Each structure stands twice: as C-alpha cells, then as structure tokens.
Amino acid sequence: DGTAAAIKKKFPSVALLYGDGNLWWTGAIKLGMEYAYSRA
C-alpha cells in the first residue's frame, strides 16, 4: 500500500528493513532486533 515509499519521503532518518510478507510479527521483531544488536 505504499508504506515504505511514504516513510522514505516523510522520515528519511528512519531505517527501513524489508520482508516478503512471511515474517509476521515475531519474524519482523526478530529482524529488527538483529539489526539493532549488530549495531551495538
């Protein structure tokens, strides 16, 4: 629905990670946590 494009335009400082629709809540949270943890 254009969520990512809207975020890029309005909030360029926000990091965007992508899934293919199969992450669901837990997979999305896990991916975000891995990203944050890798950045200390």
All heavy atoms as atom14 arrays in JSON, in Angstrom:
{
  "sequence": "DGTAAAIKKKFPSVALLYGDGNLWWTGAIKLGMEYAYSRA",
  "atom14_mask": [
    [1, 1, 1, 1, 1, 1, 1, 1, 0, 0, 0, 0, 0, 0],
    [1, 1, 1, 1, 0, 0, 0, 0, 0, 0, 0, 0, 0, 0],
    [1, 1, 1, 1, 1, 1, 1, 0, 0, 0, 0, 0, 0, 0],
    [1, 1, 1, 1, 1, 0, 0, 0, 0, 0, 0, 0, 0, 0],
    [1, 1, 1, 1, 1, 0, 0, 0, 0, 0, 0, 0, 0, 0],
    [1, 1, 1, 1, 1, 0, 0, 0, 0, 0, 0, 0, 0, 0],
    [1, 1, 1, 1, 1, 1, 1, 1, 0, 0, 0, 0, 0, 0],
    [1, 1, 1, 1, 1, 1, 1, 1, 1, 0, 0, 0, 0, 0],
    [1, 1, 1, 1, 1, 1, 1, 1, 1, 0, 0, 0, 0, 0],
    [1, 1, 1, 1, 1, 1, 1, 1, 1, 0, 0, 0, 0, 0],
    [1, 1, 1, 1, 1, 1, 1, 1, 1, 1, 1, 0, 0, 0],
    [1, 1, 1, 1, 1, 1, 1, 0, 0, 0, 0, 0, 0, 0],
    [1, 1, 1, 1, 1, 1, 0, 0, 0, 0, 0, 0, 0, 0],
    [1, 1, 1, 1, 1, 1, 1, 0, 0, 0, 0, 0, 0, 0],
    [1, 1, 1, 1, 1, 0, 0, 0, 0, 0, 0, 0, 0, 0],
    [1, 1, 1, 1, 1, 1, 1, 1, 0, 0, 0, 0, 0, 0],
    [1, 1, 1, 1, 1, 1, 1, 1, 0, 0, 0, 0, 0, 0],
    [1, 1, 1, 1, 1, 1, 1, 1, 1, 1, 1, 1, 0, 0],
    [1, 1, 1, 1, 0, 0, 0, 0, 0, 0, 0, 0, 0, 0],
    [1, 1, 1, 1, 1, 1, 1, 1, 0, 0, 0, 0, 0, 0],
    [1, 1, 1, 1, 0, 0, 0, 0, 0, 0, 0, 0, 0, 0],
    [1, 1, 1, 1, 1, 1, 1, 1, 0, 0, 0, 0, 0, 0],
    [1, 1, 1, 1, 1, 1, 1, 1, 0, 0, 0, 0, 0, 0],
    [1, 1, 1, 1, 1, 1, 1, 1, 1, 1, 1, 1, 1, 1],
    [1, 1, 1, 1, 1, 1, 1, 1, 1, 1, 1, 1, 1, 1],
    [1, 1, 1, 1, 1, 1, 1, 0, 0, 0, 0, 0, 0, 0],
    [1, 1, 1, 1, 0, 0, 0, 0, 0, 0, 0, 0, 0, 0],
    [1, 1, 1, 1, 1, 0, 0, 0, 0, 0, 0, 0, 0, 0],
    [1, 1, 1, 1, 1, 1, 1, 1, 0, 0, 0, 0, 0, 0],
    [1, 1, 1, 1, 1, 1, 1, 1, 1, 0, 0, 0, 0, 0],
    [1, 1, 1, 1, 1, 1, 1, 1, 0, 0, 0, 0, 0, 0],
    [1, 1, 1, 1, 0, 0, 0, 0, 0, 0, 0, 0, 0, 0],
    [1, 1, 1, 1, 1, 1, 1, 1, 0, 0, 0, 0, 0, 0],
    [1, 1, 1, 1, 1, 1, 1, 1, 1, 0, 0, 0, 0, 0],
    [1, 1, 1, 1, 1, 1, 1, 1, 1, 1, 1, 1, 0, 0],
    [1, 1, 1, 1, 1, 0, 0, 0, 0, 0, 0, 0, 0, 0],
    [1, 1, 1, 1, 1, 1, 1, 1, 1, 1, 1, 1, 0, 0],
    [1, 1, 1, 1, 1, 1, 0, 0, 0, 0, 0, 0, 0, 0],
    [1, 1, 1, 1, 1, 1, 1, 1, 1, 1, 1, 0, 0, 0],
    [1, 1, 1, 1, 1, 0, 0, 0, 0, 0, 0, 0, 0, 0]
  ],
  "atom14_positions": [
    [[0.81, -1.23, 0.0], [0.0, 0.0, 0.0], [0.84, 1.28, 0.0], [0.34, 2.36, 0.29], [-0.94, 0.01, 1.2], [-0.19, 0.03, 2.53], [1.04, -0.16, 2.53], [-0.84, 0.25, 3.58], [0.0, 0.0, 0.0], [0.0, 0.0, 0.0], [0.0, 0.0, 0.0], [0.0, 0.0, 0.0], [0.0, 0.0, 0.0], [0.0, 0.0, 0.0]],
    [[2.13, 1.15, -0.32], [2.99, 2.33, -0.38], [3.55, 2.77, 0.96], [4.03, 3.89, 1.09], [0.0, 0.0, 0.0], [0.0, 0.0, 0.0], [0.0, 0.0, 0.0], [0.0, 0.0, 0.0], [0.0, 0.0, 0.0], [0.0, 0.0, 0.0], [0.0, 0.0, 0.0], [0.0, 0.0, 0.0], [0.0, 0.0, 0.0], [0.0, 0.0, 0.0]],
    [[3.52, 1.89, 1.94], [4.03, 2.23, 3.27], [5.5, 2.65, 3.21], [5.88, 3.69, 3.74], [3.87, 1.04, 4.22], [2.48, 0.79, 4.44], [4.52, 1.32, 5.57], [0.0, 0.0, 0.0], [0.0, 0.0, 0.0], [0.0, 0.0, 0.0], [0.0, 0.0, 0.0], [0.0, 0.0, 0.0], [0.0, 0.0, 0.0], [0.0, 0.0, 0.0]],
    [[6.34, 1.84, 2.57], [7.77, 2.13, 2.54], [8.07, 3.45, 1.83], [8.9, 4.24, 2.29], [8.51, 0.98, 1.85], [0.0, 0.0, 0.0], [0.0, 0.0, 0.0], [0.0, 0.0, 0.0], [0.0, 0.0, 0.0], [0.0, 0.0, 0.0], [0.0, 0.0, 0.0], [0.0, 0.0, 0.0], [0.0, 0.0, 0.0], [0.0, 0.0, 0.0]],
    [[7.39, 3.7, 0.72], [7.62, 4.94, -0.02], [7.25, 6.16, 0.81], [7.96, 7.18, 0.79], [6.81, 4.92, -1.33], [0.0, 0.0, 0.0], [0.0, 0.0, 0.0], [0.0, 0.0, 0.0], [0.0, 0.0, 0.0], [0.0, 0.0, 0.0], [0.0, 0.0, 0.0], [0.0, 0.0, 0.0], [0.0, 0.0, 0.0], [0.0, 0.0, 0.0]],
    [[6.16, 6.05, 1.55], [5.72, 7.17, 2.4], [6.73, 7.44, 3.51], [7.02, 8.59, 3.84], [4.34, 6.86, 2.99], [0.0, 0.0, 0.0], [0.0, 0.0, 0.0], [0.0, 0.0, 0.0], [0.0, 0.0, 0.0], [0.0, 0.0, 0.0], [0.0, 0.0, 0.0], [0.0, 0.0, 0.0], [0.0, 0.0, 0.0], [0.0, 0.0, 0.0]],
    [[7.28, 6.36, 4.08], [8.27, 6.52, 5.15], [9.55, 7.16, 4.61], [10.12, 8.08, 5.22], [8.58, 5.16, 5.8], [7.34, 4.63, 6.53], [9.76, 5.27, 6.77], [7.46, 3.21, 7.0], [0.0, 0.0, 0.0], [0.0, 0.0, 0.0], [0.0, 0.0, 0.0], [0.0, 0.0, 0.0], [0.0, 0.0, 0.0], [0.0, 0.0, 0.0]],
    [[10.01, 6.7, 3.46], [11.22, 7.26, 2.85], [11.07, 8.75, 2.6], [12.0, 9.54, 2.81], [11.53, 6.54, 1.54], [12.11, 5.15, 1.7], [12.4, 4.55, 0.33], [12.98, 3.14, 0.46], [13.25, 2.55, -0.88], [0.0, 0.0, 0.0], [0.0, 0.0, 0.0], [0.0, 0.0, 0.0], [0.0, 0.0, 0.0], [0.0, 0.0, 0.0]],
    [[9.9, 9.15, 2.14], [9.66, 10.55, 1.8], [9.54, 11.44, 3.02], [10.13, 12.53, 3.08], [8.39, 10.66, 0.95], [8.06, 12.07, 0.51], [6.8, 12.1, -0.34], [6.47, 13.54, -0.77], [5.25, 13.59, -1.61], [0.0, 0.0, 0.0], [0.0, 0.0, 0.0], [0.0, 0.0, 0.0], [0.0, 0.0, 0.0], [0.0, 0.0, 0.0]],
    [[8.79, 10.98, 4.02], [8.46, 11.82, 5.17], [9.48, 11.69, 6.31], [9.67, 12.63, 7.1], [7.07, 11.45, 5.69], [5.94, 11.73, 4.72], [4.6, 11.25, 5.28], [3.45, 11.47, 4.32], [3.13, 12.89, 4.14], [0.0, 0.0, 0.0], [0.0, 0.0, 0.0], [0.0, 0.0, 0.0], [0.0, 0.0, 0.0], [0.0, 0.0, 0.0]],
    [[10.12, 10.52, 6.42], [11.0, 10.26, 7.56], [12.31, 9.63, 7.09], [12.56, 8.44, 7.33], [10.3, 9.35, 8.58], [8.91, 9.79, 8.93], [7.81, 9.2, 8.33], [8.7, 10.82, 9.85], [6.52, 9.6, 8.65], [7.42, 11.24, 10.16], [6.32, 10.64, 9.56], [0.0, 0.0, 0.0], [0.0, 0.0, 0.0], [0.0, 0.0, 0.0]],
    [[13.14, 10.39, 6.41], [14.36, 9.81, 5.83], [15.36, 9.27, 6.86], [16.22, 8.46, 6.52], [14.97, 10.99, 5.05], [14.37, 12.22, 5.68], [12.99, 11.81, 6.11], [0.0, 0.0, 0.0], [0.0, 0.0, 0.0], [0.0, 0.0, 0.0], [0.0, 0.0, 0.0], [0.0, 0.0, 0.0], [0.0, 0.0, 0.0], [0.0, 0.0, 0.0]],
    [[15.25, 9.7, 8.11], [16.19, 9.22, 9.13], [15.83, 7.83, 9.66], [16.63, 7.19, 10.35], [16.24, 10.2, 10.3], [15.0, 10.24, 10.99], [0.0, 0.0, 0.0], [0.0, 0.0, 0.0], [0.0, 0.0, 0.0], [0.0, 0.0, 0.0], [0.0, 0.0, 0.0], [0.0, 0.0, 0.0], [0.0, 0.0, 0.0], [0.0, 0.0, 0.0]],
    [[14.63, 7.36, 9.35], [14.17, 6.06, 9.85], [14.76, 4.94, 9.0], [14.7, 4.98, 7.77], [12.63, 6.0, 9.83], [12.14, 4.59, 10.12], [12.05, 6.98, 10.85], [0.0, 0.0, 0.0], [0.0, 0.0, 0.0], [0.0, 0.0, 0.0], [0.0, 0.0, 0.0], [0.0, 0.0, 0.0], [0.0, 0.0, 0.0], [0.0, 0.0, 0.0]],
    [[15.32, 3.95, 9.65], [15.86, 2.79, 8.94], [14.71, 1.89, 8.5], [13.76, 1.65, 9.25], [16.81, 2.02, 9.84], [0.0, 0.0, 0.0], [0.0, 0.0, 0.0], [0.0, 0.0, 0.0], [0.0, 0.0, 0.0], [0.0, 0.0, 0.0], [0.0, 0.0, 0.0], [0.0, 0.0, 0.0], [0.0, 0.0, 0.0], [0.0, 0.0, 0.0]],
    [[14.81, 1.38, 7.27], [13.77, 0.5, 6.72], [14.35, -0.87, 6.42], [15.36, -1.0, 5.71], [13.22, 1.1, 5.43], [11.91, 1.91, 5.53], [11.66, 2.65, 4.22], [10.74, 1.0, 5.85], [0.0, 0.0, 0.0], [0.0, 0.0, 0.0], [0.0, 0.0, 0.0], [0.0, 0.0, 0.0], [0.0, 0.0, 0.0], [0.0, 0.0, 0.0]],
    [[13.73, -1.89, 6.99], [14.07, -3.27, 6.67], [12.85, -3.89, 5.99], [11.71, -3.49, 6.24], [14.43, -4.05, 7.93], [15.53, -3.46, 8.83], [15.76, -4.36, 10.03], [16.82, -3.27, 8.05], [0.0, 0.0, 0.0], [0.0, 0.0, 0.0], [0.0, 0.0, 0.0], [0.0, 0.0, 0.0], [0.0, 0.0, 0.0], [0.0, 0.0, 0.0]],
    [[13.1, -4.91, 5.17], [12.01, -5.44, 4.37], [11.82, -6.95, 4.56], [12.79, -7.69, 4.72], [12.26, -5.16, 2.88], [12.34, -3.69, 2.55], [13.57, -3.04, 2.55], [11.2, -2.96, 2.25], [13.66, -1.68, 2.25], [11.27, -1.61, 1.95], [12.5, -0.97, 1.95], [12.58, 0.37, 1.67], [0.0, 0.0, 0.0], [0.0, 0.0, 0.0]],
    [[10.56, -7.35, 4.52], [10.2, -8.75, 4.49], [9.36, -9.02, 3.26], [8.97, -8.08, 2.55], [0.0, 0.0, 0.0], [0.0, 0.0, 0.0], [0.0, 0.0, 0.0], [0.0, 0.0, 0.0], [0.0, 0.0, 0.0], [0.0, 0.0, 0.0], [0.0, 0.0, 0.0], [0.0, 0.0, 0.0], [0.0, 0.0, 0.0], [0.0, 0.0, 0.0]],
    [[9.07, -10.29, 3.0], [8.3, -10.64, 1.81], [6.85, -10.97, 2.12], [6.14, -11.53, 1.29], [8.95, -11.83, 1.09], [9.02, -13.07, 1.98], [8.54, -13.02, 3.14], [9.55, -14.1, 1.52], [0.0, 0.0, 0.0], [0.0, 0.0, 0.0], [0.0, 0.0, 0.0], [0.0, 0.0, 0.0], [0.0, 0.0, 0.0], [0.0, 0.0, 0.0]],
    [[6.41, -10.61, 3.33], [5.04, -10.91, 3.73], [4.93, -12.15, 4.59], [3.84, -12.5, 5.06], [0.0, 0.0, 0.0], [0.0, 0.0, 0.0], [0.0, 0.0, 0.0], [0.0, 0.0, 0.0], [0.0, 0.0, 0.0], [0.0, 0.0, 0.0], [0.0, 0.0, 0.0], [0.0, 0.0, 0.0], [0.0, 0.0, 0.0], [0.0, 0.0, 0.0]],
    [[6.05, -12.81, 4.84], [6.04, -14.05, 5.62], [6.76, -13.91, 6.96], [6.99, -14.92, 7.64], [6.69, -15.18, 4.81], [5.86, -15.55, 3.59], [4.68, -15.84, 3.71], [6.48, -15.52, 2.42], [0.0, 0.0, 0.0], [0.0, 0.0, 0.0], [0.0, 0.0, 0.0], [0.0, 0.0, 0.0], [0.0, 0.0, 0.0], [0.0, 0.0, 0.0]],
    [[7.13, -12.7, 7.33], [7.78, -12.51, 8.63], [6.79, -12.58, 9.77], [7.1, -13.1, 10.85], [8.49, -11.15, 8.66], [9.74, -10.99, 7.82], [10.26, -9.55, 7.92], [10.82, -11.97, 8.26], [0.0, 0.0, 0.0], [0.0, 0.0, 0.0], [0.0, 0.0, 0.0], [0.0, 0.0, 0.0], [0.0, 0.0, 0.0], [0.0, 0.0, 0.0]],
    [[5.62, -12.02, 9.56], [4.62, -11.87, 10.61], [5.22, -11.05, 11.76], [6.28, -10.46, 11.63], [4.08, -13.23, 11.07], [3.4, -13.97, 9.95], [3.99, -14.82, 9.06], [2.02, -13.88, 9.57], [3.07, -15.28, 8.15], [1.85, -14.73, 8.44], [0.92, -13.21, 10.07], [0.62, -14.89, 7.81], [-0.31, -13.38, 9.45], [-0.45, -14.21, 8.34]],
    [[4.53, -10.99, 12.9], [5.0, -10.12, 13.99], [6.35, -10.59, 14.54], [7.29, -9.81, 14.65], [3.98, -10.07, 15.12], [4.32, -9.04, 16.17], [3.96, -7.73, 16.19], [5.14, -9.24, 17.34], [4.47, -7.08, 17.3], [5.21, -8.0, 18.01], [5.8, -10.33, 17.89], [5.92, -7.83, 19.21], [6.52, -10.16, 19.06], [6.57, -8.91, 19.71]],
    [[6.44, -11.85, 14.87], [7.65, -12.34, 15.53], [8.86, -12.25, 14.62], [9.95, -11.83, 15.05], [7.45, -13.79, 16.01], [6.24, -13.89, 16.77], [8.61, -14.24, 16.87], [0.0, 0.0, 0.0], [0.0, 0.0, 0.0], [0.0, 0.0, 0.0], [0.0, 0.0, 0.0], [0.0, 0.0, 0.0], [0.0, 0.0, 0.0], [0.0, 0.0, 0.0]],
    [[8.69, -12.61, 13.35], [9.81, -12.53, 12.43], [10.27, -11.11, 12.19], [11.47, -10.84, 12.07], [0.0, 0.0, 0.0], [0.0, 0.0, 0.0], [0.0, 0.0, 0.0], [0.0, 0.0, 0.0], [0.0, 0.0, 0.0], [0.0, 0.0, 0.0], [0.0, 0.0, 0.0], [0.0, 0.0, 0.0], [0.0, 0.0, 0.0], [0.0, 0.0, 0.0]],
    [[9.31, -10.19, 12.14], [9.65, -8.78, 11.93], [10.39, -8.22, 13.15], [11.39, -7.5, 13.02], [8.39, -7.97, 11.64], [0.0, 0.0, 0.0], [0.0, 0.0, 0.0], [0.0, 0.0, 0.0], [0.0, 0.0, 0.0], [0.0, 0.0, 0.0], [0.0, 0.0, 0.0], [0.0, 0.0, 0.0], [0.0, 0.0, 0.0], [0.0, 0.0, 0.0]],
    [[9.88, -8.53, 14.33], [10.55, -8.08, 15.56], [11.96, -8.66, 15.66], [12.91, -7.96, 16.01], [9.7, -8.47, 16.79], [8.52, -7.5, 16.96], [10.54, -8.5, 18.05], [8.91, -6.1, 17.4], [0.0, 0.0, 0.0], [0.0, 0.0, 0.0], [0.0, 0.0, 0.0], [0.0, 0.0, 0.0], [0.0, 0.0, 0.0], [0.0, 0.0, 0.0]],
    [[12.09, -9.92, 15.33], [13.41, -10.58, 15.38], [14.38, -9.9, 14.42], [15.54, -9.64, 14.78], [13.26, -12.06, 15.03], [14.57, -12.84, 15.01], [14.3, -14.32, 14.76], [15.59, -15.14, 14.77], [16.36, -14.96, 13.52], [0.0, 0.0, 0.0], [0.0, 0.0, 0.0], [0.0, 0.0, 0.0], [0.0, 0.0, 0.0], [0.0, 0.0, 0.0]],
    [[13.93, -9.6, 13.2], [14.8, -8.96, 12.22], [15.24, -7.59, 12.72], [16.42, -7.22, 12.59], [14.07, -8.83, 10.89], [14.87, -8.22, 9.73], [16.1, -9.07, 9.41], [13.98, -8.09, 8.49], [0.0, 0.0, 0.0], [0.0, 0.0, 0.0], [0.0, 0.0, 0.0], [0.0, 0.0, 0.0], [0.0, 0.0, 0.0], [0.0, 0.0, 0.0]],
    [[14.31, -6.84, 13.29], [14.66, -5.52, 13.83], [15.63, -5.61, 15.0], [16.54, -4.79, 15.13], [0.0, 0.0, 0.0], [0.0, 0.0, 0.0], [0.0, 0.0, 0.0], [0.0, 0.0, 0.0], [0.0, 0.0, 0.0], [0.0, 0.0, 0.0], [0.0, 0.0, 0.0], [0.0, 0.0, 0.0], [0.0, 0.0, 0.0], [0.0, 0.0, 0.0]],
    [[15.43, -6.61, 15.86], [16.33, -6.81, 16.99], [17.72, -7.19, 16.52], [18.73, -6.74, 17.08], [15.76, -7.86, 17.95], [14.48, -7.43, 18.66], [13.74, -8.76, 19.65], [14.9, -8.84, 21.03], [0.0, 0.0, 0.0], [0.0, 0.0, 0.0], [0.0, 0.0, 0.0], [0.0, 0.0, 0.0], [0.0, 0.0, 0.0], [0.0, 0.0, 0.0]],
    [[17.81, -8.04, 15.5], [19.11, -8.42, 14.96], [19.84, -7.21, 14.39], [21.05, -7.05, 14.59], [18.91, -9.47, 13.86], [18.48, -10.83, 14.37], [18.13, -11.8, 13.26], [17.79, -11.33, 12.15], [18.17, -13.02, 13.49], [0.0, 0.0, 0.0], [0.0, 0.0, 0.0], [0.0, 0.0, 0.0], [0.0, 0.0, 0.0], [0.0, 0.0, 0.0]],
    [[19.1, -6.35, 13.72], [19.67, -5.12, 13.16], [20.22, -4.23, 14.27], [21.35, -3.73, 14.19], [18.59, -4.39, 12.36], [19.03, -3.06, 11.76], [19.6, -3.01, 10.49], [18.83, -1.87, 12.46], [19.99, -1.8, 9.93], [19.22, -0.65, 11.9], [19.79, -0.62, 10.65], [20.17, 0.59, 10.11], [0.0, 0.0, 0.0], [0.0, 0.0, 0.0]],
    [[19.42, -4.03, 15.31], [19.85, -3.17, 16.42], [21.05, -3.77, 17.16], [22.01, -3.07, 17.49], [18.68, -2.96, 17.38], [0.0, 0.0, 0.0], [0.0, 0.0, 0.0], [0.0, 0.0, 0.0], [0.0, 0.0, 0.0], [0.0, 0.0, 0.0], [0.0, 0.0, 0.0], [0.0, 0.0, 0.0], [0.0, 0.0, 0.0], [0.0, 0.0, 0.0]],
    [[21.0, -5.06, 17.41], [22.07, -5.73, 18.15], [23.38, -5.69, 17.39], [24.46, -5.54, 17.98], [21.66, -7.17, 18.45], [22.52, -7.86, 19.47], [22.45, -7.51, 20.82], [23.38, -8.89, 19.11], [23.23, -8.15, 21.77], [24.17, -9.54, 20.05], [24.09, -9.17, 21.39], [24.86, -9.81, 22.32], [0.0, 0.0, 0.0], [0.0, 0.0, 0.0]],
    [[23.31, -5.8, 16.06], [24.52, -5.76, 15.24], [25.18, -4.38, 15.25], [26.35, -4.25, 14.88], [24.19, -6.16, 13.79], [23.42, -5.14, 13.15], [0.0, 0.0, 0.0], [0.0, 0.0, 0.0], [0.0, 0.0, 0.0], [0.0, 0.0, 0.0], [0.0, 0.0, 0.0], [0.0, 0.0, 0.0], [0.0, 0.0, 0.0], [0.0, 0.0, 0.0]],
    [[24.41, -3.39, 15.7], [24.93, -2.02, 15.79], [25.23, -1.62, 17.23], [25.28, -0.45, 17.56], [23.95, -1.05, 15.13], [24.08, -1.11, 13.61], [22.82, -0.68, 12.89], [23.05, -0.73, 11.44], [23.06, -1.87, 10.73], [22.87, -3.02, 11.33], [23.28, -1.84, 9.42], [0.0, 0.0, 0.0], [0.0, 0.0, 0.0], [0.0, 0.0, 0.0]],
    [[25.46, -2.62, 18.05], [25.89, -2.41, 19.44], [24.93, -1.52, 20.23], [25.35, -0.64, 20.97], [27.3, -1.83, 19.47], [0.0, 0.0, 0.0], [0.0, 0.0, 0.0], [0.0, 0.0, 0.0], [0.0, 0.0, 0.0], [0.0, 0.0, 0.0], [0.0, 0.0, 0.0], [0.0, 0.0, 0.0], [0.0, 0.0, 0.0], [0.0, 0.0, 0.0]]
  ]
}
